[in-house]
Amino acid sequence: MTQDRQAAFRTMSQRRDLWAGAELAPHQDLSALFVIRVCKLYLRKGGQFAFVLPNTAIDREHYAGFRTGLYGGRSGVLSVAFTPSWDLRRIRPHFFPRAASVVFGARTEYAGTDNDVGSTRESQGMPDQIEIWTGRLQLNNASWKDASGWLTRTPGIVRRTS
C-alpha cells in the first residue's frame, strides 16, 4: 500500500473506532473496514450479513474495535448486532490463503444522534460463543454433501489474546 493509501486507511479506521494503534498497524488489514463500509453503504436496517474474514477477527487485539458492534460518530454512526461466529482455523488443509472465520450479524437501529455519547444503542458486540469447525478435507472442490461428512461442528468459547 502506498503511503497515501496507508494514511487514508488509518484515517478511515480511526473515524470508525477500528484503529488499534500504531504498534499494531502491521497486523491491521482492510477486512474490518471493508465490512463496516459495505454494511453502512448497502445494508438496510434489519438486514443480515455474513463475511469470511481472517480468523484473527474473532480473537486478536487489533480487531477489538471491530468486535464492538458500534462504529464512529465522525463518519456517521453504524450499529450492528453480531451473532456467534464460526472458527474455521482447524480445518485442514486451509481452503483460504490464511486461517479463516465467518462473522454474522445484522444492521441495527442507532438510538441517538451522532454526538449523543450517552444514548442507548441497539448494537451488540461479538459474542464469546462460537462454532468450532474441525476436520480434514479429503478432496479439493468437494461438494458440500461430501465435505460435511469430513467436518465436525462443536460449540465453543473464543479465547481472546493480546
Protein backbone atom coordinates (compact mmCIF):
# COMPACT_ATOMS: atom_id res chain seq x y z
CA MET A 1 0.00 0.00 0.00
CA THR A 2 1.34 3.46 -0.83
CA GLN A 3 1.90 5.97 1.96
CA ASP A 4 -1.12 7.97 0.80
CA ARG A 5 -3.33 4.87 0.91
CA GLN A 6 -1.92 3.94 4.33
CA ALA A 7 -2.81 7.40 5.63
CA ALA A 8 -6.32 7.16 4.16
CA PHE A 9 -6.79 3.69 5.69
CA ARG A 10 -5.68 4.96 9.09
CA THR A 11 -7.99 7.98 8.93
CA MET A 12 -10.99 5.92 7.83
CA SER A 13 -10.27 3.33 10.55
CA GLN A 14 -9.89 5.99 13.24
CA ARG A 15 -13.20 7.62 12.27
CA ARG A 16 -14.94 4.29 12.78
CA ASP A 17 -13.12 3.40 16.01
CA LEU A 18 -11.35 0.49 14.30
CA TRP A 19 -7.76 1.73 14.63
CA ALA A 20 -5.87 -0.38 17.17
CA GLY A 21 -2.85 1.93 17.38
CA ALA A 22 0.42 2.33 15.56
CA GLU A 23 2.09 -0.57 17.41
CA LEU A 24 -0.47 -2.94 15.88
CA ALA A 25 -0.55 -1.28 12.46
CA PRO A 26 1.47 -4.06 10.77
CA HIS A 27 -1.25 -6.55 11.80
CA GLN A 28 -4.25 -4.49 10.70
CA ASP A 29 -5.74 -5.19 7.30
CA LEU A 30 -8.62 -3.84 5.27
CA SER A 31 -11.15 -6.55 6.11
CA ALA A 32 -12.83 -4.91 9.15
CA LEU A 33 -13.04 -1.57 7.37
CA PHE A 34 -14.46 -3.30 4.30
CA VAL A 35 -17.23 -4.98 6.33
CA ILE A 36 -18.19 -1.73 8.05
CA ARG A 37 -18.22 0.27 4.80
CA VAL A 38 -20.30 -2.35 2.97
CA CYS A 39 -22.83 -2.53 5.82
CA LYS A 40 -23.04 1.28 6.02
CA LEU A 41 -23.43 1.79 2.27
CA TYR A 42 -25.53 -1.17 1.19
CA LEU A 43 -27.24 -2.94 4.10
CA ARG A 44 -30.64 -1.71 5.21
CA LYS A 45 -31.52 -1.61 8.91
CA GLY A 46 -32.53 -5.11 9.91
CA GLY A 47 -30.56 -6.61 7.02
CA GLN A 48 -28.29 -9.53 7.85
CA PHE A 49 -24.69 -10.15 6.81
CA ALA A 50 -22.08 -12.90 6.81
CA PHE A 51 -18.44 -12.34 5.85
CA VAL A 52 -15.45 -14.64 5.64
CA LEU A 53 -12.60 -12.87 7.44
CA PRO A 54 -9.17 -13.76 8.73
CA ASN A 55 -9.54 -15.85 11.88
CA THR A 56 -7.86 -13.09 13.85
CA ALA A 57 -11.11 -11.08 13.57
CA ILE A 58 -12.69 -13.16 16.32
CA ASP A 59 -9.85 -13.25 18.83
CA ARG A 60 -6.94 -10.82 18.31
CA GLU A 61 -6.45 -7.41 19.89
CA HIS A 62 -6.18 -5.49 16.64
CA TYR A 63 -9.83 -6.40 15.85
CA ALA A 64 -11.20 -5.32 19.25
CA GLY A 65 -12.79 -2.18 17.78
CA PHE A 66 -14.45 -4.24 15.08
CA ARG A 67 -16.00 -6.64 17.60
CA THR A 68 -17.82 -3.81 19.48
CA GLY A 69 -20.74 -3.51 17.04
CA LEU A 70 -20.77 0.30 17.18
CA TYR A 71 -18.72 2.34 14.76
CA GLY A 72 -17.76 6.01 14.94
CA GLY A 73 -19.79 9.14 15.07
CA ARG A 74 -17.49 11.27 12.95
CA SER A 75 -18.39 9.42 9.75
CA GLY A 76 -21.98 8.68 10.72
CA VAL A 77 -22.85 6.02 13.24
CA LEU A 78 -23.29 2.40 12.24
CA SER A 79 -24.70 -0.08 14.72
CA VAL A 80 -24.70 -3.86 14.25
CA ALA A 81 -25.64 -6.85 16.39
CA PHE A 82 -23.27 -9.78 16.00
CA THR A 83 -24.32 -13.39 16.43
CA PRO A 84 -21.92 -16.30 17.11
CA SER A 85 -19.10 -16.70 14.59
CA TRP A 86 -17.61 -19.79 13.00
CA ASP A 87 -13.96 -20.61 13.73
CA LEU A 88 -12.57 -22.43 10.66
CA ARG A 89 -8.88 -22.47 11.61
CA ARG A 90 -8.86 -26.20 12.49
CA ILE A 91 -9.94 -27.38 9.04
CA ARG A 92 -7.11 -28.93 7.04
CA PRO A 93 -5.96 -28.12 4.51
CA HIS A 94 -6.84 -24.43 4.79
CA PHE A 95 -9.01 -23.54 1.83
CA PHE A 96 -8.18 -19.81 2.05
CA PRO A 97 -4.68 -18.29 2.00
CA ARG A 98 -4.88 -17.95 5.80
CA ALA A 99 -6.96 -19.40 8.60
CA ALA A 100 -10.50 -18.08 8.33
CA SER A 101 -13.61 -17.31 10.31
CA VAL A 102 -17.12 -16.37 9.35
CA VAL A 103 -18.79 -13.50 11.20
CA PHE A 104 -22.55 -12.97 11.23
CA GLY A 105 -24.78 -10.13 12.26
CA ALA A 106 -27.47 -7.63 11.35
CA ARG A 107 -27.56 -3.88 10.95
CA THR A 108 -29.46 -2.39 13.87
CA GLU A 109 -31.08 0.90 14.74
CA TYR A 110 -28.91 3.52 16.33
CA ALA A 111 -30.92 5.28 19.04
CA GLY A 112 -29.39 8.71 19.43
CA THR A 113 -27.58 11.35 17.48
CA ASP A 114 -24.02 11.20 16.23
CA ASN A 115 -22.95 13.41 19.14
CA ASP A 116 -25.08 11.76 21.82
CA VAL A 117 -22.39 9.77 23.60
CA GLY A 118 -24.60 8.54 26.44
CA SER A 119 -27.53 7.42 24.32
CA THR A 120 -28.98 3.91 24.17
CA ARG A 121 -27.78 1.87 21.22
CA GLU A 122 -29.07 -1.39 19.88
CA SER A 123 -25.63 -2.66 18.95
CA GLN A 124 -24.37 -5.99 20.24
CA GLY A 125 -20.71 -6.82 20.34
CA MET A 126 -19.38 -10.09 19.03
CA PRO A 127 -20.33 -12.84 21.50
CA ASP A 128 -17.79 -15.16 23.08
CA GLN A 129 -19.78 -18.18 21.89
CA ILE A 130 -18.51 -19.60 18.61
CA GLU A 131 -18.93 -22.69 16.50
CA ILE A 132 -15.64 -24.53 16.01
CA TRP A 133 -15.24 -26.44 12.77
CA THR A 134 -12.65 -29.23 12.65
CA GLY A 135 -11.73 -31.93 10.17
CA ARG A 136 -9.68 -32.83 7.13
CA LEU A 137 -10.99 -32.23 3.62
CA GLN A 138 -10.08 -35.26 1.52
CA LEU A 139 -10.69 -33.63 -1.87
CA ASN A 140 -10.22 -30.19 -3.35
CA ASN A 141 -13.51 -28.68 -4.53
CA ALA A 142 -15.57 -31.35 -2.78
CA SER A 143 -19.33 -30.97 -2.77
CA TRP A 144 -20.97 -29.93 0.49
CA LYS A 145 -22.52 -33.41 0.66
CA ASP A 146 -19.03 -34.95 0.76
CA ALA A 147 -17.28 -32.24 2.78
CA SER A 148 -19.91 -32.17 5.51
CA GLY A 149 -19.13 -35.80 6.31
CA TRP A 150 -15.49 -34.94 6.97
CA LEU A 151 -16.19 -31.96 9.23
CA THR A 152 -17.33 -31.64 12.82
CA ARG A 153 -19.03 -28.58 14.25
CA THR A 154 -18.99 -28.06 18.02
CA PRO A 155 -19.93 -25.15 20.28
CA GLY A 156 -17.07 -23.34 21.93
CA ILE A 157 -15.89 -20.17 23.62
CA VAL A 158 -13.44 -17.84 21.94
CA ARG A 159 -10.15 -17.15 23.73
CA ARG A 160 -9.20 -13.57 23.00
CA THR A 161 -5.49 -12.81 23.02
CA SER A 162 -3.50 -9.62 23.13
